[in-house]
Amino acid sequence: MLFMVVERFKDGKTKEIYRRFQEKGRMMPEGLKYVDSWVEVNFDRCFQLMECDDLRLFQEWILQWQDLGEFEIIPVVLSKQTAEIVNKTL
């Protein structure tokens, strides 16, 4: 399944986040796949698209970063796939 992860950087922690990433990488458990990400221009939030079949892997990953950010995990479906489902009902 695909998930949009909204990471809210804690105040003043942007440099610490990037420093940890440089030193340790994403620290993702095997089975949690990073697809892509986007950061707001004001460094408040990072939007990450990830793929995973076991939600416990998100818990493992968040434990590595929760001191620097807060996380919202949102299941999403590709627009193309949604259109296929909706078009069947038109």
PDB file of N, CA and C in Angstrom:
ATOM      1  N   MET A   1       0.836  -1.190   0.000  1.00  0.00           N
ATOM      2  CA  MET A   1       0.000   0.000   0.000  1.00  0.00           C
ATOM      3  C   MET A   1       0.877   1.247   0.000  1.00  0.00           C
ATOM      4  N   LEU A   2       0.318   2.318  -0.539  1.00  0.00           N
ATOM      5  CA  LEU A   2       1.003   3.607  -0.545  1.00  0.00           C
ATOM      6  C   LEU A   2       0.518   4.469   0.614  1.00  0.00           C
ATOM      7  N   PHE A   3       1.433   5.257   1.154  1.00  0.00           N
ATOM      8  CA  PHE A   3       1.112   6.148   2.260  1.00  0.00           C
ATOM      9  C   PHE A   3       1.771   7.497   2.039  1.00  0.00           C
ATOM     10  N   MET A   4       1.013   8.561   2.313  1.00  0.00           N
ATOM     11  CA  MET A   4       1.587   9.893   2.353  1.00  0.00           C
ATOM     12  C   MET A   4       1.924  10.156   3.813  1.00  0.00           C
ATOM     13  N   VAL A   5       3.182  10.409   4.073  1.00  0.00           N
ATOM     14  CA  VAL A   5       3.637  10.710   5.425  1.00  0.00           C
ATOM     15  C   VAL A   5       3.836  12.215   5.515  1.00  0.00           C
ATOM     16  N   VAL A   6       3.114  12.840   6.429  1.00  0.00           N
ATOM     17  CA  VAL A   6       3.289  14.271   6.669  1.00  0.00           C
ATOM     18  C   VAL A   6       4.108  14.398   7.945  1.00  0.00           C
ATOM     19  N   GLU A   7       5.321  14.877   7.775  1.00  0.00           N
ATOM     20  CA  GLU A   7       6.232  15.049   8.906  1.00  0.00           C
ATOM     21  C   GLU A   7       6.295  16.538   9.244  1.00  0.00           C
ATOM     22  N   ARG A   8       5.916  16.862  10.461  1.00  0.00           N
ATOM     23  CA  ARG A   8       5.993  18.249  10.917  1.00  0.00           C
ATOM     24  C   ARG A   8       7.273  18.415  11.709  1.00  0.00           C
ATOM     25  N   PHE A   9       8.178  19.231  11.184  1.00  0.00           N
ATOM     26  CA  PHE A   9       9.450  19.465  11.870  1.00  0.00           C
ATOM     27  C   PHE A   9       9.181  20.214  13.171  1.00  0.00           C
ATOM     28  N   LYS A  10       9.786  19.766  14.255  1.00  0.00           N
ATOM     29  CA  LYS A  10       9.676  20.510  15.504  1.00  0.00           C
ATOM     30  C   LYS A  10      10.464  21.803  15.368  1.00  0.00           C
ATOM     31  N   ASP A  11      10.014  22.852  16.073  1.00  0.00           N
ATOM     32  CA  ASP A  11      10.628  24.173  15.960  1.00  0.00           C
ATOM     33  C   ASP A  11      12.140  24.119  16.119  1.00  0.00           C
ATOM     34  N   GLY A  12      12.825  24.694  15.144  1.00  0.00           N
ATOM     35  CA  GLY A  12      14.273  24.807  15.220  1.00  0.00           C
ATOM     36  C   GLY A  12      15.039  23.513  15.005  1.00  0.00           C
ATOM     37  N   LYS A  13      14.386  22.454  14.548  1.00  0.00           N
ATOM     38  CA  LYS A  13      15.048  21.146  14.425  1.00  0.00           C
ATOM     39  C   LYS A  13      15.459  20.790  12.994  1.00  0.00           C
ATOM     40  N   THR A  14      15.252  21.683  12.044  1.00  0.00           N
ATOM     41  CA  THR A  14      15.540  21.375  10.642  1.00  0.00           C
ATOM     42  C   THR A  14      16.987  20.934  10.444  1.00  0.00           C
ATOM     43  N   LYS A  15      17.928  21.690  10.966  1.00  0.00           N
ATOM     44  CA  LYS A  15      19.344  21.329  10.777  1.00  0.00           C
ATOM     45  C   LYS A  15      19.677  20.011  11.462  1.00  0.00           C
ATOM     46  N   GLU A  16      19.077  19.762  12.612  1.00  0.00           N
ATOM     47  CA  GLU A  16      19.313  18.490  13.305  1.00  0.00           C
ATOM     48  C   GLU A  16      18.779  17.314  12.479  1.00  0.00           C
ATOM     49  N   ILE A  17      17.632  17.505  11.843  1.00  0.00           N
ATOM     50  CA  ILE A  17      17.054  16.456  11.002  1.00  0.00           C
ATOM     51  C   ILE A  17      18.005  16.126   9.855  1.00  0.00           C
ATOM     52  N   TYR A  18      18.486  17.142   9.178  1.00  0.00           N
ATOM     53  CA  TYR A  18      19.373  16.914   8.040  1.00  0.00           C
ATOM     54  C   TYR A  18      20.733  16.380   8.484  1.00  0.00           C
ATOM     55  N   ARG A  19      21.194  16.792   9.641  1.00  0.00           N
ATOM     56  CA  ARG A  19      22.456  16.273  10.177  1.00  0.00           C
ATOM     57  C   ARG A  19      22.341  14.777  10.463  1.00  0.00           C
ATOM     58  N   ARG A  20      21.251  14.382  11.133  1.00  0.00           N
ATOM     59  CA  ARG A  20      21.044  12.958  11.433  1.00  0.00           C
ATOM     60  C   ARG A  20      20.914  12.153  10.146  1.00  0.00           C
ATOM     61  N   PHE A  21      20.199  12.709   9.176  1.00  0.00           N
ATOM     62  CA  PHE A  21      20.038  12.015   7.898  1.00  0.00           C
ATOM     63  C   PHE A  21      21.390  11.805   7.227  1.00  0.00           C
ATOM     64  N   GLN A  22      22.258  12.818   7.254  1.00  0.00           N
ATOM     65  CA  GLN A  22      23.606  12.684   6.671  1.00  0.00           C
ATOM     66  C   GLN A  22      24.410  11.610   7.384  1.00  0.00           C
ATOM     67  N   GLU A  23      24.283  11.546   8.699  1.00  0.00           N
ATOM     68  CA  GLU A  23      25.076  10.608   9.497  1.00  0.00           C
ATOM     69  C   GLU A  23      24.541   9.183   9.467  1.00  0.00           C
ATOM     70  N   LYS A  24      23.198   9.024   9.471  1.00  0.00           N
ATOM     71  CA  LYS A  24      22.606   7.696   9.655  1.00  0.00           C
ATOM     72  C   LYS A  24      21.677   7.248   8.531  1.00  0.00           C
ATOM     73  N   GLY A  25      21.403   8.120   7.574  1.00  0.00           N
ATOM     74  CA  GLY A  25      20.461   7.768   6.519  1.00  0.00           C
ATOM     75  C   GLY A  25      19.025   7.833   7.026  1.00  0.00           C
ATOM     76  N   ARG A  26      18.121   7.213   6.321  1.00  0.00           N
ATOM     77  CA  ARG A  26      16.699   7.258   6.689  1.00  0.00           C
ATOM     78  C   ARG A  26      16.367   6.363   7.874  1.00  0.00           C
ATOM     79  N   MET A  27      17.197   5.401   8.167  1.00  0.00           N
ATOM     80  CA  MET A  27      16.989   4.458   9.273  1.00  0.00           C
ATOM     81  C   MET A  27      15.655   3.731   9.150  1.00  0.00           C
ATOM     82  N   MET A  28      15.336   3.302   7.940  1.00  0.00           N
ATOM     83  CA  MET A  28      14.074   2.612   7.685  1.00  0.00           C
ATOM     84  C   MET A  28      14.272   1.112   7.799  1.00  0.00           C
ATOM     85  N   PRO A  29      13.348   0.430   8.462  1.00  0.00           N
ATOM     86  CA  PRO A  29      13.442  -1.025   8.519  1.00  0.00           C
ATOM     87  C   PRO A  29      13.171  -1.642   7.151  1.00  0.00           C
ATOM     88  N   GLU A  30      13.719  -2.823   6.927  1.00  0.00           N
ATOM     89  CA  GLU A  30      13.486  -3.534   5.678  1.00  0.00           C
ATOM     90  C   GLU A  30      11.986  -3.767   5.492  1.00  0.00           C
ATOM     91  N   GLY A  31      11.494  -3.463   4.312  1.00  0.00           N
ATOM     92  CA  GLY A  31      10.071  -3.614   4.028  1.00  0.00           C
ATOM     93  C   GLY A  31       9.333  -2.288   3.962  1.00  0.00           C
ATOM     94  N   LEU A  32       9.934  -1.231   4.494  1.00  0.00           N
ATOM     95  CA  LEU A  32       9.366   0.119   4.384  1.00  0.00           C
ATOM     96  C   LEU A  32      10.127   0.808   3.265  1.00  0.00           C
ATOM     97  N   LYS A  33       9.431   1.152   2.189  1.00  0.00           N
ATOM     98  CA  LYS A  33      10.080   1.681   0.990  1.00  0.00           C
ATOM     99  C   LYS A  33       9.788   3.169   0.814  1.00  0.00           C
ATOM    100  N   TYR A  34      10.843   3.958   0.692  1.00  0.00           N
ATOM    101  CA  TYR A  34      10.761   5.386   0.398  1.00  0.00           C
ATOM    102  C   TYR A  34      10.582   5.544  -1.109  1.00  0.00           C
ATOM    103  N   VAL A  35       9.608   6.379  -1.531  1.00  0.00           N
ATOM    104  CA  VAL A  35       9.372   6.622  -2.955  1.00  0.00           C
ATOM    105  C   VAL A  35       9.899   7.996  -3.359  1.00  0.00           C
ATOM    106  N   ASP A  36       9.474   9.043  -2.655  1.00  0.00           N
ATOM    107  CA  ASP A  36       9.904  10.412  -2.971  1.00  0.00           C
ATOM    108  C   ASP A  36       9.438  11.328  -1.846  1.00  0.00           C
ATOM    109  N   SER A  37       9.963  12.567  -1.833  1.00  0.00           N
ATOM    110  CA  SER A  37       9.532  13.518  -0.805  1.00  0.00           C
ATOM    111  C   SER A  37       9.640  14.951  -1.296  1.00  0.00           C
ATOM    112  N   TRP A  38       8.918  15.827  -0.604  1.00  0.00           N
ATOM    113  CA  TRP A  38       8.866  17.246  -0.906  1.00  0.00           C
ATOM    114  C   TRP A  38       8.863  17.994   0.418  1.00  0.00           C
ATOM    115  N   VAL A  39       9.576  19.118   0.486  1.00  0.00           N
ATOM    116  CA  VAL A  39       9.657  19.913   1.718  1.00  0.00           C
ATOM    117  C   VAL A  39       9.076  21.295   1.446  1.00  0.00           C
ATOM    118  N   GLU A  40       8.255  21.775   2.382  1.00  0.00           N
ATOM    119  CA  GLU A  40       7.729  23.147   2.276  1.00  0.00           C
ATOM    120  C   GLU A  40       8.897  24.137   2.292  1.00  0.00           C
ATOM    121  N   VAL A  41       8.714  25.257   1.613  1.00  0.00           N
ATOM    122  CA  VAL A  41       9.788  26.245   1.524  1.00  0.00           C
ATOM    123  C   VAL A  41      10.146  26.853   2.877  1.00  0.00           C
ATOM    124  N   ASN A  42       9.229  26.818   3.834  1.00  0.00           N
ATOM    125  CA  ASN A  42       9.501  27.382   5.169  1.00  0.00           C
ATOM    126  C   ASN A  42      10.007  26.325   6.156  1.00  0.00           C
ATOM    127  N   PHE A  43      10.268  25.106   5.670  1.00  0.00           N
ATOM    128  CA  PHE A  43      10.798  23.998   6.474  1.00  0.00           C
ATOM    129  C   PHE A  43       9.852  23.520   7.573  1.00  0.00           C
ATOM    130  N   ASP A  44       8.567  23.817   7.470  1.00  0.00           N
ATOM    131  CA  ASP A  44       7.619  23.363   8.492  1.00  0.00           C
ATOM    132  C   ASP A  44       7.263  21.884   8.346  1.00  0.00           C
ATOM    133  N   ARG A  45       7.101  21.431   7.076  1.00  0.00           N
ATOM    134  CA  ARG A  45       6.652  20.065   6.858  1.00  0.00           C
ATOM    135  C   ARG A  45       7.391  19.413   5.693  1.00  0.00           C
ATOM    136  N   CYS A  46       7.492  18.101   5.792  1.00  0.00           N
ATOM    137  CA  CYS A  46       8.006  17.277   4.706  1.00  0.00           C
ATOM    138  C   CYS A  46       6.909  16.280   4.347  1.00  0.00           C
ATOM    139  N   PHE A  47       6.641  16.122   3.069  1.00  0.00           N
ATOM    140  CA  PHE A  47       5.643  15.179   2.578  1.00  0.00           C
ATOM    141  C   PHE A  47       6.399  14.035   1.907  1.00  0.00           C
ATOM    142  N   GLN A  48       6.221  12.824   2.432  1.00  0.00           N
ATOM    143  CA  GLN A  48       6.961  11.676   1.918  1.00  0.00           C
ATOM    144  C   GLN A  48       5.982  10.616   1.428  1.00  0.00           C
ATOM    145  N   LEU A  49       6.204  10.141   0.223  1.00  0.00           N
ATOM    146  CA  LEU A  49       5.418   9.040  -0.294  1.00  0.00           C
ATOM    147  C   LEU A  49       6.195   7.762   0.002  1.00  0.00           C
ATOM    148  N   MET A  50       5.532   6.818   0.682  1.00  0.00           N
ATOM    149  CA  MET A  50       6.177   5.567   1.060  1.00  0.00           C
ATOM    150  C   MET A  50       5.266   4.401   0.728  1.00  0.00           C
ATOM    151  N   GLU A  51       5.869   3.228   0.666  1.00  0.00           N
ATOM    152  CA  GLU A  51       5.143   2.006   0.369  1.00  0.00           C
ATOM    153  C   GLU A  51       5.433   0.994   1.464  1.00  0.00           C
ATOM    154  N   CYS A  52       4.372   0.297   1.901  1.00  0.00           N
ATOM    155  CA  CYS A  52       4.549  -0.628   3.021  1.00  0.00           C
ATOM    156  C   CYS A  52       3.339  -1.548   3.126  1.00  0.00           C
ATOM    157  N   ASP A  53       3.578  -2.786   3.564  1.00  0.00           N
ATOM    158  CA  ASP A  53       2.488  -3.728   3.801  1.00  0.00           C
ATOM    159  C   ASP A  53       2.298  -4.031   5.281  1.00  0.00           C
ATOM    160  N   ASP A  54       3.202  -3.571   6.128  1.00  0.00           N
ATOM    161  CA  ASP A  54       3.142  -3.847   7.568  1.00  0.00           C
ATOM    162  C   ASP A  54       3.277  -2.534   8.334  1.00  0.00           C
ATOM    163  N   LEU A  55       2.193  -2.043   8.891  1.00  0.00           N
ATOM    164  CA  LEU A  55       2.190  -0.740   9.559  1.00  0.00           C
ATOM    165  C   LEU A  55       3.136  -0.667  10.749  1.00  0.00           C
ATOM    166  N   ARG A  56       3.499  -1.807  11.312  1.00  0.00           N
ATOM    167  CA  ARG A  56       4.452  -1.802  12.428  1.00  0.00           C
ATOM    168  C   ARG A  56       5.809  -1.265  11.999  1.00  0.00           C
ATOM    169  N   LEU A  57       6.123  -1.377  10.716  1.00  0.00           N
ATOM    170  CA  LEU A  57       7.392  -0.846  10.214  1.00  0.00           C
ATOM    171  C   LEU A  57       7.424   0.677  10.325  1.00  0.00           C
ATOM    172  N   PHE A  58       6.279   1.326  10.142  1.00  0.00           N
ATOM    173  CA  PHE A  58       6.211   2.771  10.359  1.00  0.00           C
ATOM    174  C   PHE A  58       6.512   3.107  11.819  1.00  0.00           C
ATOM    175  N   GLN A  59       5.983   2.294  12.718  1.00  0.00           N
ATOM    176  CA  GLN A  59       6.244   2.534  14.140  1.00  0.00           C
ATOM    177  C   GLN A  59       7.731   2.432  14.448  1.00  0.00           C
ATOM    178  N   GLU A  60       8.391   1.414  13.902  1.00  0.00           N
ATOM    179  CA  GLU A  60       9.841   1.279  14.099  1.00  0.00           C
ATOM    180  C   GLU A  60      10.577   2.508  13.589  1.00  0.00           C
ATOM    181  N   TRP A  61      10.207   2.962  12.401  1.00  0.00           N
ATOM    182  CA  TRP A  61      10.881   4.090  11.775  1.00  0.00           C
ATOM    183  C   TRP A  61      10.640   5.383  12.550  1.00  0.00           C
ATOM    184  N   ILE A  62       9.401   5.620  12.949  1.00  0.00           N
ATOM    185  CA  ILE A  62       9.057   6.854  13.669  1.00  0.00           C
ATOM    186  C   ILE A  62       9.816   6.945  14.986  1.00  0.00           C
ATOM    187  N   LEU A  63      10.031   5.825  15.650  1.00  0.00           N
ATOM    188  CA  LEU A  63      10.779   5.851  16.910  1.00  0.00           C
ATOM    189  C   LEU A  63      12.183   6.434  16.743  1.00  0.00           C
ATOM    190  N   GLN A  64      12.732   6.323  15.524  1.00  0.00           N
ATOM    191  CA  GLN A  64      14.075   6.859  15.257  1.00  0.00           C
ATOM    192  C   GLN A  64      14.075   8.389  15.076  1.00  0.00           C
ATOM    193  N   TRP A  65      12.897   8.967  14.824  1.00  0.00           N
ATOM    194  CA  TRP A  65      12.814  10.381  14.453  1.00  0.00           C
ATOM    195  C   TRP A  65      11.864  11.209  15.320  1.00  0.00           C
ATOM    196  N   GLN A  66      11.132  10.601  16.222  1.00  0.00           N
ATOM    197  CA  GLN A  66      10.075  11.318  16.931  1.00  0.00           C
ATOM    198  C   GLN A  66      10.572  12.455  17.816  1.00  0.00           C
ATOM    199  N   ASP A  67      11.851  12.478  18.147  1.00  0.00           N
ATOM    200  CA  ASP A  67      12.381  13.593  18.921  1.00  0.00           C
ATOM    201  C   ASP A  67      12.534  14.859  18.078  1.00  0.00           C
ATOM    202  N   LEU A  68      12.517  14.699  16.747  1.00  0.00           N
ATOM    203  CA  LEU A  68      12.724  15.837  15.846  1.00  0.00           C
ATOM    204  C   LEU A  68      11.481  16.221  15.043  1.00  0.00           C
ATOM    205  N   GLY A  69      10.487  15.350  15.005  1.00  0.00           N
ATOM    206  CA  GLY A  69       9.301  15.653  14.221  1.00  0.00           C
ATOM    207  C   GLY A  69       8.092  14.887  14.715  1.00  0.00           C
ATOM    208  N   GLU A  70       6.936  15.277  14.196  1.00  0.00           N
ATOM    209  CA  GLU A  70       5.673  14.601  14.465  1.00  0.00           C
ATOM    210  C   GLU A  70       5.150  14.077  13.135  1.00  0.00           C
ATOM    211  N   PHE A  71       4.513  12.907  13.162  1.00  0.00           N
ATOM    212  CA  PHE A  71       4.182  12.208  11.936  1.00  0.00           C
ATOM    213  C   PHE A  71       2.698  11.898  11.813  1.00  0.00           C
ATOM    214  N   GLU A  72       2.189  12.067  10.599  1.00  0.00           N
ATOM    215  CA  GLU A  72       0.839  11.657  10.253  1.00  0.00           C
ATOM    216  C   GLU A  72       0.968  10.698   9.068  1.00  0.00           C
ATOM    217  N   ILE A  73       0.388   9.522   9.167  1.00  0.00           N
ATOM    218  CA  ILE A  73       0.475   8.497   8.129  1.00  0.00           C
ATOM    219  C   ILE A  73      -0.902   8.369   7.473  1.00  0.00           C
ATOM    220  N   ILE A  74      -0.974   8.644   6.164  1.00  0.00           N
ATOM    221  CA  ILE A  74      -2.254   8.677   5.449  1.00  0.00           C
ATOM    222  C   ILE A  74      -2.218   7.668   4.298  1.00  0.00           C
ATOM    223  N   PRO A  75      -3.076   6.636   4.329  1.00  0.00           N
ATOM    224  CA  PRO A  75      -3.147   5.719   3.186  1.00  0.00           C
ATOM    225  C   PRO A  75      -3.684   6.463   1.964  1.00  0.00           C
ATOM    226  N   VAL A  76      -3.050   6.245   0.809  1.00  0.00           N
ATOM    227  CA  VAL A  76      -3.478   6.913  -0.422  1.00  0.00           C
ATOM    228  C   VAL A  76      -3.550   5.910  -1.566  1.00  0.00           C
ATOM    229  N   VAL A  77      -4.304   6.293  -2.597  1.00  0.00           N
ATOM    230  CA  VAL A  77      -4.452   5.495  -3.810  1.00  0.00           C
ATOM    231  C   VAL A  77      -4.061   6.390  -4.983  1.00  0.00           C
ATOM    232  N   LEU A  78      -3.355   5.831  -5.945  1.00  0.00           N
ATOM    233  CA  LEU A  78      -2.980   6.609  -7.127  1.00  0.00           C
ATOM    234  C   LEU A  78      -4.222   7.155  -7.828  1.00  0.00           C
ATOM    235  N   SER A  79      -4.120   8.345  -8.363  1.00  0.00           N
ATOM    236  CA  SER A  79      -5.246   8.973  -9.054  1.00  0.00           C
ATOM    237  C   SER A  79      -5.748   8.115 -10.207  1.00  0.00           C
ATOM    238  N   LYS A  80      -4.832   7.523 -10.950  1.00  0.00           N
ATOM    239  CA  LYS A  80      -5.206   6.681 -12.086  1.00  0.00           C
ATOM    240  C   LYS A  80      -6.052   5.497 -11.617  1.00  0.00           C
ATOM    241  N   GLN A  81      -5.667   4.884 -10.513  1.00  0.00           N
ATOM    242  CA  GLN A  81      -6.418   3.753  -9.982  1.00  0.00           C
ATOM    243  C   GLN A  81      -7.791   4.187  -9.478  1.00  0.00           C
ATOM    244  N   THR A  82      -7.852   5.345  -8.860  1.00  0.00           N
ATOM    245  CA  THR A  82      -9.135   5.872  -8.382  1.00  0.00           C
ATOM    246  C   THR A  82     -10.056   6.159  -9.562  1.00  0.00           C
ATOM    247  N   ALA A  83      -9.505   6.742 -10.614  1.00  0.00           N
ATOM    248  CA  ALA A  83     -10.314   7.041 -11.809  1.00  0.00           C
ATOM    249  C   ALA A  83     -10.898   5.771 -12.406  1.00  0.00           C
ATOM    250  N   GLU A  84     -10.122   4.688 -12.420  1.00  0.00           N
ATOM    251  CA  GLU A  84     -10.625   3.414 -12.946  1.00  0.00           C
ATOM    252  C   GLU A  84     -11.839   2.934 -12.146  1.00  0.00           C
ATOM    253  N   ILE A  85     -11.784   3.050 -10.839  1.00  0.00           N
ATOM    254  CA  ILE A  85     -12.901   2.611  -9.988  1.00  0.00           C
ATOM    255  C   ILE A  85     -14.112   3.508 -10.194  1.00  0.00           C
ATOM    256  N   VAL A  86     -13.903   4.812 -10.190  1.00  0.00           N
ATOM    257  CA  VAL A  86     -15.009   5.755 -10.342  1.00  0.00           C
ATOM    258  C   VAL A  86     -15.634   5.633 -11.717  1.00  0.00           C
ATOM    259  N   ASN A  87     -14.808   5.484 -12.740  1.00  0.00           N
ATOM    260  CA  ASN A  87     -15.322   5.394 -14.118  1.00  0.00           C
ATOM    261  C   ASN A  87     -16.248   4.211 -14.319  1.00  0.00           C
ATOM    262  N   LYS A  88     -16.075   3.140 -13.550  1.00  0.00           N
ATOM    263  CA  LYS A  88     -16.969   1.978 -13.642  1.00  0.00           C
ATOM    264  C   LYS A  88     -18.390   2.325 -13.215  1.00  0.00           C
ATOM    265  N   THR A  89     -18.532   3.368 -12.398  1.00  0.00           N
ATOM    266  CA  THR A  89     -19.856   3.726 -11.882  1.00  0.00           C
ATOM    267  C   THR A  89     -20.524   4.849 -12.672  1.00  0.00           C
ATOM    268  N   LEU A  90     -19.845   5.372 -13.670  1.00  0.00           N
ATOM    269  CA  LEU A  90     -20.404   6.487 -14.455  1.00  0.00           C
ATOM    270  C   LEU A  90     -21.372   6.019 -15.509  1.00  0.00           C
TER     271      LEU A  90
END
